[in-house]
N, C-alpha and C. Protein backbone atom coordinates (compact mmCIF):
# COMPACT_ATOMS: atom_id res chain seq x y z
N UNK A 1 84.31 72.23 82.73
CA UNK A 1 84.93 72.66 84.03
C UNK A 1 86.41 72.26 83.98
N UNK A 2 87.32 73.19 84.42
CA UNK A 2 88.76 72.87 84.46
C UNK A 2 89.19 71.92 85.55
N UNK A 3 90.14 71.47 85.32
CA UNK A 3 90.72 70.46 86.38
C UNK A 3 91.50 71.33 87.42
N UNK A 4 91.19 70.94 88.75
CA UNK A 4 91.77 71.68 89.85
C UNK A 4 93.14 71.15 90.03
N UNK A 5 94.06 71.95 90.52
CA UNK A 5 95.43 71.69 90.89
C UNK A 5 95.49 71.69 92.44
N UNK A 6 96.08 70.60 92.99
CA UNK A 6 96.30 70.56 94.48
C UNK A 6 97.23 71.82 94.78
N UNK A 7 96.77 72.74 95.72
CA UNK A 7 97.59 73.91 96.10
C UNK A 7 98.39 73.51 97.45
N UNK A 8 97.73 72.92 98.49
CA UNK A 8 98.29 72.74 99.70
C UNK A 8 97.83 71.33 100.19
N UNK A 9 98.64 70.65 101.07
CA UNK A 9 98.09 69.69 101.71
C UNK A 9 98.90 69.59 103.06
N UNK A 10 98.11 69.35 104.09
CA UNK A 10 98.62 69.33 105.63
C UNK A 10 98.01 67.98 106.17
N UNK A 11 98.55 67.67 107.17
CA UNK A 11 98.16 66.37 107.92
C UNK A 11 98.43 66.50 109.36
N UNK A 12 97.32 66.07 110.17
CA UNK A 12 97.54 66.16 111.69
C UNK A 12 97.13 64.83 112.27
N UNK A 13 97.74 64.42 113.26
CA UNK A 13 97.27 63.12 113.97
C UNK A 13 97.51 63.17 115.42
N UNK A 14 96.74 62.43 116.07
CA UNK A 14 96.67 62.21 117.58
C UNK A 14 98.00 61.71 118.05
N UNK A 15 98.32 62.13 119.24
CA UNK A 15 99.55 61.69 119.99
C UNK A 15 99.45 60.67 121.06
N UNK A 16 98.20 60.47 121.42
CA UNK A 16 97.86 59.59 122.55
C UNK A 16 97.67 60.33 123.72
N UNK A 17 98.02 61.74 123.69
CA UNK A 17 97.64 62.60 124.79
C UNK A 17 96.48 63.53 124.34
N UNK A 18 95.42 63.31 125.03
CA UNK A 18 94.10 64.14 124.59
C UNK A 18 94.39 65.47 124.57
N UNK A 19 93.95 66.21 123.51
CA UNK A 19 94.15 67.62 123.38
C UNK A 19 95.48 68.05 122.75
N UNK A 20 96.25 67.07 122.21
CA UNK A 20 97.55 67.35 121.62
C UNK A 20 97.59 66.57 120.24
N UNK A 21 97.90 67.49 119.18
CA UNK A 21 98.04 66.79 117.87
C UNK A 21 99.44 67.33 117.30
N UNK A 22 99.97 66.39 116.40
CA UNK A 22 101.14 66.69 115.69
C UNK A 22 100.64 66.90 114.33
N UNK A 23 101.20 68.06 113.71
CA UNK A 23 100.86 68.72 112.47
C UNK A 23 102.05 68.61 111.50
N UNK A 24 101.80 68.24 110.29
CA UNK A 24 102.69 68.15 109.32
C UNK A 24 102.25 69.09 108.07
N UNK A 25 103.26 70.07 107.71
CA UNK A 25 103.11 70.72 106.35
C UNK A 25 104.45 70.65 105.65
N UNK A 26 104.30 69.89 104.45
CA UNK A 26 105.50 69.57 103.77
C UNK A 26 106.38 68.79 104.66
N UNK A 27 107.72 69.33 104.96
CA UNK A 27 108.61 68.63 105.73
C UNK A 27 108.75 69.19 107.13
N UNK A 28 107.76 69.99 107.52
CA UNK A 28 107.77 70.76 108.81
C UNK A 28 106.69 69.89 109.76
N UNK A 29 107.13 69.71 110.91
CA UNK A 29 106.35 69.07 111.99
C UNK A 29 106.32 70.02 113.25
N UNK A 30 105.11 70.09 113.84
CA UNK A 30 104.90 71.00 115.01
C UNK A 30 103.71 70.38 115.73
N UNK A 31 103.67 70.79 116.95
CA UNK A 31 102.69 70.55 117.94
C UNK A 31 101.62 71.52 118.00
N UNK A 32 100.35 71.20 118.08
CA UNK A 32 99.40 72.09 118.39
C UNK A 32 98.35 71.44 119.41
N UNK A 33 98.12 72.27 120.50
CA UNK A 33 97.39 71.86 121.66
C UNK A 33 95.92 72.54 121.58
N UNK A 34 94.96 71.71 122.22
CA UNK A 34 93.69 72.24 122.41
C UNK A 34 93.61 73.48 123.26
N UNK A 35 92.58 74.13 123.41
CA UNK A 35 92.52 75.34 124.25
C UNK A 35 93.04 75.04 125.68
N UNK A 36 94.07 75.89 126.12
CA UNK A 36 94.55 75.85 127.49
C UNK A 36 95.85 74.96 127.55
N UNK A 37 96.33 74.54 126.32
CA UNK A 37 97.54 73.69 126.35
C UNK A 37 98.64 74.65 126.18
N UNK A 38 99.90 74.10 126.34
CA UNK A 38 101.25 74.76 126.23
C UNK A 38 101.52 75.17 124.85
N UNK A 39 101.28 74.34 123.90
CA UNK A 39 101.64 74.57 122.46
C UNK A 39 100.68 75.57 121.81
N UNK A 40 101.01 76.15 120.79
CA UNK A 40 99.96 76.94 119.97
C UNK A 40 98.84 76.17 119.53
N UNK A 41 97.62 76.79 119.76
CA UNK A 41 96.44 76.30 119.29
C UNK A 41 95.96 76.41 118.04
N UNK A 42 94.87 75.62 117.60
CA UNK A 42 94.46 75.77 116.18
C UNK A 42 94.06 77.17 115.66
N UNK A 43 93.33 77.87 116.55
CA UNK A 43 92.83 79.16 116.41
C UNK A 43 94.03 80.14 116.12
N UNK A 44 95.10 79.91 116.95
CA UNK A 44 96.36 80.80 116.92
C UNK A 44 97.06 80.37 115.57
N UNK A 45 97.12 79.10 115.17
CA UNK A 45 97.76 78.78 113.86
C UNK A 45 96.85 79.46 112.79
N UNK A 46 95.54 79.27 112.80
CA UNK A 46 94.85 79.96 111.64
C UNK A 46 95.01 81.32 111.69
N UNK A 47 94.90 82.17 112.71
CA UNK A 47 95.13 83.68 112.78
C UNK A 47 96.55 83.93 112.37
N UNK A 48 97.48 83.12 112.80
CA UNK A 48 98.97 83.40 112.29
C UNK A 48 99.00 83.32 110.66
N UNK A 49 98.28 82.37 110.18
CA UNK A 49 98.14 82.20 108.68
C UNK A 49 97.50 83.55 108.09
N UNK A 50 96.52 84.08 108.70
CA UNK A 50 95.89 85.33 108.30
C UNK A 50 96.96 86.49 108.20
N UNK A 51 97.70 86.59 109.36
CA UNK A 51 98.75 87.71 109.43
C UNK A 51 99.92 87.48 108.51
N UNK A 52 100.32 86.10 108.46
CA UNK A 52 101.45 85.79 107.39
C UNK A 52 101.04 86.10 106.01
N UNK A 53 99.77 85.72 105.67
CA UNK A 53 99.38 85.99 104.37
C UNK A 53 99.16 87.55 104.03
N UNK A 54 99.02 88.25 104.96
CA UNK A 54 99.11 89.80 104.81
C UNK A 54 100.46 90.25 104.64
N UNK A 55 101.41 89.87 105.43
CA UNK A 55 102.80 90.33 105.25
C UNK A 55 103.25 89.89 103.83
N UNK A 56 103.15 88.58 103.71
CA UNK A 56 103.79 88.02 102.33
C UNK A 56 103.07 88.46 101.19
N UNK A 57 101.86 88.63 101.06
CA UNK A 57 101.16 89.02 99.99
C UNK A 57 101.38 90.52 99.77
N UNK A 58 101.27 91.36 100.79
CA UNK A 58 101.41 92.82 100.62
C UNK A 58 102.87 93.20 100.13
N UNK A 59 103.86 92.43 100.77
CA UNK A 59 105.13 92.68 100.30
C UNK A 59 105.43 92.30 98.82
N UNK A 60 104.76 91.30 98.49
CA UNK A 60 104.91 90.90 97.02
C UNK A 60 104.19 91.82 96.12
N UNK A 61 103.06 92.32 96.43
CA UNK A 61 102.35 93.20 95.69
C UNK A 61 103.14 94.68 95.61
N UNK A 62 103.68 95.03 96.72
CA UNK A 62 104.42 96.34 96.74
C UNK A 62 105.72 96.09 95.81
N UNK A 63 106.39 94.99 95.86
CA UNK A 63 107.51 94.83 95.03
C UNK A 63 107.23 94.76 93.54
N UNK A 64 106.07 94.14 93.18
CA UNK A 64 105.64 93.93 91.83
C UNK A 64 105.27 95.38 91.28
N UNK A 65 104.62 96.21 92.09
CA UNK A 65 104.06 97.44 91.72
C UNK A 65 105.30 98.70 91.92
N UNK A 66 106.45 98.33 92.39
CA UNK A 66 107.44 99.28 92.71
C UNK A 66 107.13 100.29 93.77
N UNK A 67 106.37 99.74 94.82
CA UNK A 67 105.96 100.61 95.85
C UNK A 67 107.03 100.43 97.00
N UNK A 68 107.68 101.58 97.47
CA UNK A 68 108.71 101.34 98.35
C UNK A 68 108.48 101.05 99.86
N UNK A 69 107.67 99.88 100.02
CA UNK A 69 107.30 99.43 101.31
C UNK A 69 108.66 99.01 102.04
N UNK A 70 109.06 99.55 103.17
CA UNK A 70 110.20 99.25 103.76
C UNK A 70 110.02 98.21 104.92
N UNK A 71 108.85 98.20 105.60
CA UNK A 71 108.67 97.36 106.71
C UNK A 71 107.23 97.26 106.94
N UNK A 72 106.80 96.19 107.61
CA UNK A 72 105.35 96.10 107.99
C UNK A 72 105.18 95.25 109.09
N UNK A 73 104.21 95.54 110.00
CA UNK A 73 103.85 94.71 111.16
C UNK A 73 102.23 94.44 110.93
N UNK A 74 101.80 93.32 111.13
CA UNK A 74 100.47 92.95 110.97
C UNK A 74 99.95 92.25 112.31
N UNK A 75 98.94 92.69 112.93
CA UNK A 75 98.44 92.11 114.14
C UNK A 75 97.01 91.71 113.93
N UNK A 76 96.72 90.51 114.39
CA UNK A 76 95.30 89.92 114.20
C UNK A 76 94.77 89.53 115.71
N UNK A 77 93.72 90.06 115.99
CA UNK A 77 93.12 89.78 117.26
C UNK A 77 91.73 89.20 117.25
N UNK A 78 91.45 88.18 117.80
CA UNK A 78 90.18 87.52 117.84
C UNK A 78 89.37 87.62 119.30
N UNK A 79 88.18 88.06 119.26
CA UNK A 79 87.55 88.28 120.38
C UNK A 79 86.29 87.41 120.63
N UNK A 80 86.06 86.88 121.77
CA UNK A 80 84.86 86.11 122.24
C UNK A 80 84.21 86.67 123.38
N UNK A 81 82.75 86.56 123.26
CA UNK A 81 82.04 86.85 124.40
C UNK A 81 81.80 85.59 125.26
N UNK A 82 82.37 85.67 126.47
CA UNK A 82 82.32 84.38 127.32
C UNK A 82 81.05 84.03 127.68
N UNK A 83 80.09 84.88 127.72
CA UNK A 83 78.60 84.55 128.17
C UNK A 83 77.79 84.07 126.98
N UNK A 84 78.29 84.09 125.82
CA UNK A 84 77.40 83.60 124.63
C UNK A 84 78.01 82.36 124.13
N UNK A 85 76.91 81.47 123.74
CA UNK A 85 77.33 80.18 123.24
C UNK A 85 77.91 80.35 121.79
N UNK A 86 78.94 79.54 121.33
CA UNK A 86 79.29 79.62 119.92
C UNK A 86 78.36 79.66 118.91
N UNK A 87 78.57 80.49 117.91
CA UNK A 87 77.56 80.69 116.81
C UNK A 87 77.54 79.60 115.80
N UNK A 88 76.83 79.73 114.74
CA UNK A 88 76.68 78.63 113.81
C UNK A 88 77.87 78.45 113.01
N UNK A 89 78.63 79.55 112.70
CA UNK A 89 79.82 79.66 111.90
C UNK A 89 81.16 79.72 112.54
N UNK A 90 81.25 80.40 113.73
CA UNK A 90 82.47 80.61 114.40
C UNK A 90 82.29 80.74 115.94
N UNK A 91 83.37 80.61 116.56
CA UNK A 91 83.49 80.89 117.93
C UNK A 91 84.08 82.41 118.25
N UNK A 92 84.38 83.14 117.19
CA UNK A 92 84.82 84.39 117.29
C UNK A 92 83.56 85.56 117.16
N UNK A 93 83.54 86.28 118.03
CA UNK A 93 82.44 87.48 118.01
C UNK A 93 83.01 88.68 117.24
N UNK A 94 84.24 88.82 117.13
CA UNK A 94 84.92 89.92 116.59
C UNK A 94 86.37 89.72 116.10
N UNK A 95 86.71 90.23 115.05
CA UNK A 95 88.14 90.08 114.53
C UNK A 95 88.59 91.51 114.15
N UNK A 96 89.81 91.63 114.50
CA UNK A 96 90.57 92.99 114.27
C UNK A 96 91.93 92.69 113.58
N UNK A 97 92.08 93.25 112.51
CA UNK A 97 93.38 93.12 111.76
C UNK A 97 93.98 94.57 111.59
N UNK A 98 95.10 94.71 112.01
CA UNK A 98 95.71 96.07 112.09
C UNK A 98 97.13 95.92 111.30
N UNK A 99 97.20 96.76 110.26
CA UNK A 99 98.42 96.82 109.46
C UNK A 99 99.19 98.07 110.00
N UNK A 100 100.61 98.01 109.93
CA UNK A 100 101.34 99.22 110.32
C UNK A 100 102.42 99.16 109.27
N UNK A 101 102.55 100.12 108.36
CA UNK A 101 103.50 99.98 107.27
C UNK A 101 104.59 101.24 107.26
N UNK A 102 105.82 101.03 106.89
CA UNK A 102 106.60 102.07 106.91
C UNK A 102 107.13 102.16 105.44
N UNK A 103 107.36 103.67 105.00
CA UNK A 103 108.12 103.97 103.84
C UNK A 103 107.10 104.14 102.64
N UNK A 104 105.85 104.13 102.87
CA UNK A 104 104.75 104.43 101.86
C UNK A 104 103.68 105.32 102.23
N UNK A 105 103.02 105.81 101.38
CA UNK A 105 102.01 106.79 101.55
C UNK A 105 100.62 106.15 102.00
N UNK A 106 99.76 106.92 102.53
CA UNK A 106 98.51 106.39 102.97
C UNK A 106 97.71 105.80 101.83
N UNK A 107 97.90 106.45 100.73
CA UNK A 107 97.15 105.97 99.47
C UNK A 107 97.72 104.61 99.03
N UNK A 108 99.10 104.42 98.93
CA UNK A 108 99.52 103.23 98.65
C UNK A 108 99.14 102.11 99.63
N UNK A 109 99.21 102.44 100.92
CA UNK A 109 98.83 101.46 101.95
C UNK A 109 97.35 101.10 101.72
N UNK A 110 96.48 102.00 101.63
CA UNK A 110 95.16 101.56 101.37
C UNK A 110 94.88 100.70 100.30
N UNK A 111 95.54 100.98 99.17
CA UNK A 111 95.47 100.04 97.90
C UNK A 111 96.07 98.65 98.17
N UNK A 112 97.18 98.63 98.84
CA UNK A 112 97.65 97.26 99.03
C UNK A 112 96.85 96.46 100.06
N UNK A 113 96.13 97.20 101.10
CA UNK A 113 95.27 96.35 101.99
C UNK A 113 94.10 95.99 101.46
N UNK A 114 93.50 96.86 100.57
CA UNK A 114 92.23 96.47 99.86
C UNK A 114 92.51 95.33 98.85
N UNK A 115 93.60 95.36 98.12
CA UNK A 115 93.87 94.26 97.35
C UNK A 115 94.01 92.95 98.24
N UNK A 116 94.75 92.96 99.35
CA UNK A 116 94.95 91.88 100.23
C UNK A 116 93.50 91.20 100.61
N UNK A 117 92.61 92.16 101.09
CA UNK A 117 91.29 91.87 101.40
C UNK A 117 90.58 91.12 100.41
N UNK A 118 90.71 91.35 99.11
CA UNK A 118 90.04 90.69 98.04
C UNK A 118 90.69 89.47 97.70
N UNK A 119 92.00 89.23 97.92
CA UNK A 119 92.67 88.14 97.42
C UNK A 119 93.07 86.93 98.43
N UNK A 120 93.03 87.39 99.70
CA UNK A 120 93.63 86.45 100.74
C UNK A 120 92.41 85.39 101.08
N UNK A 121 92.53 84.17 100.79
CA UNK A 121 91.48 83.31 101.10
C UNK A 121 91.24 83.10 102.64
N UNK A 122 92.32 83.26 103.35
CA UNK A 122 92.06 83.11 104.89
C UNK A 122 91.41 84.18 105.35
N UNK A 123 91.74 85.49 104.92
CA UNK A 123 90.78 86.65 105.41
C UNK A 123 89.46 86.54 104.97
N UNK A 124 89.21 86.04 103.69
CA UNK A 124 87.83 85.82 103.07
C UNK A 124 87.09 85.00 104.18
N UNK A 125 87.73 83.88 104.66
CA UNK A 125 87.04 82.87 105.53
C UNK A 125 86.64 83.63 106.85
N UNK A 126 87.70 84.43 107.30
CA UNK A 126 87.40 85.21 108.51
C UNK A 126 86.13 86.26 108.37
N UNK A 127 86.27 87.00 107.21
CA UNK A 127 85.28 88.08 106.96
C UNK A 127 83.87 87.31 106.83
N UNK A 128 83.88 86.20 106.26
CA UNK A 128 82.50 85.64 106.01
C UNK A 128 81.90 84.94 107.33
N UNK A 129 82.76 84.41 108.08
CA UNK A 129 82.30 83.74 109.29
C UNK A 129 82.22 84.66 110.47
N UNK A 130 82.79 85.76 110.39
CA UNK A 130 82.71 86.72 111.73
C UNK A 130 82.18 87.88 111.18
N UNK A 131 81.01 88.38 111.39
CA UNK A 131 80.41 89.59 111.02
C UNK A 131 81.01 90.74 111.43
N UNK A 132 81.53 90.83 112.70
CA UNK A 132 82.22 92.01 113.11
C UNK A 132 83.74 91.86 112.95
N UNK A 133 84.06 92.09 111.70
CA UNK A 133 85.48 92.04 111.27
C UNK A 133 85.94 93.38 110.75
N UNK A 134 87.06 93.93 111.34
CA UNK A 134 87.42 95.24 110.92
C UNK A 134 88.92 95.30 110.57
N UNK A 135 89.36 95.88 109.54
CA UNK A 135 90.69 96.08 109.09
C UNK A 135 91.18 97.56 109.19
N UNK A 136 92.17 97.78 109.88
CA UNK A 136 92.80 99.20 109.88
C UNK A 136 94.19 99.13 109.45
N UNK A 137 94.72 100.39 109.00
CA UNK A 137 96.03 100.53 108.72
C UNK A 137 96.58 101.81 109.17
N UNK A 138 97.85 101.83 109.35
CA UNK A 138 98.63 103.19 109.60
C UNK A 138 99.72 103.06 108.62
N UNK A 139 100.04 104.17 108.04
CA UNK A 139 101.28 104.12 107.17
C UNK A 139 102.11 105.36 107.61
N UNK A 140 103.42 105.03 107.45
CA UNK A 140 104.42 106.05 107.80
C UNK A 140 105.30 106.28 106.58
N UNK A 141 105.36 107.52 106.10
CA UNK A 141 106.19 107.81 104.92
C UNK A 141 107.69 107.55 105.21
N UNK A 142 108.01 108.05 106.49
CA UNK A 142 109.41 107.90 106.79
C UNK A 142 109.81 106.43 106.97
N UNK A 143 111.08 106.08 107.07
CA UNK A 143 111.46 104.88 107.17
C UNK A 143 111.37 104.33 108.68
N UNK A 144 111.19 103.12 108.96
CA UNK A 144 111.06 102.51 110.24
C UNK A 144 112.26 102.88 111.12
N UNK A 145 112.08 103.45 112.30
CA UNK A 145 113.12 103.83 113.24
C UNK A 145 113.59 105.24 112.99
N UNK A 146 112.97 105.93 111.94
CA UNK A 146 113.30 107.38 111.60
C UNK A 146 112.73 108.19 112.80
N UNK A 147 113.45 109.19 113.20
CA UNK A 147 112.88 110.13 114.31
C UNK A 147 112.42 111.34 113.61
N UNK A 148 111.26 111.90 114.09
CA UNK A 148 110.64 113.10 113.34
C UNK A 148 111.30 114.37 113.98
C-alpha cells in the first residue's frame, strides 16, 4: 500500500456562542453559523466548495486542452422536503448543479462537465449521498456580453 500524502487540513472551534464556530483553513479565518444564523452555514460552505471546484477545475481543464472557455457561472441549489425527517445519509432531498459557459461549443461544455463529475470529490460526495442529483449545462459559442 502506498503512503498517503496530506492534501488538506481545516480546523473549527466553538466561540462560546452556541451555534457559532470559527473555522481555519491555512491562514484564513472565518465564522460559520448553525442554521438560521447571520454567517454562512456549513451546508452553504460545502455547496460553495462544490461550485468553486466546478469553476476552478473546468477552467484548468479547458486551459490544458486549449478550449477557449471565456467565462463560466456555476449555481448549486440544495432542496429539502420540510415534512420529511432527514435521511440516513443527508438532509438534502435534491441537488441541482447548473453550469453556464461562454466561448465554447456544447460538445466541449459536455466533455468538461463530464470530466468534472468524475474527478471532483465534493461532487462525488453529493451524488452518492443525494439520490436526486442533476447536473445541467448551457454553452454559448459567442463571448459573454455579446449581443446576437
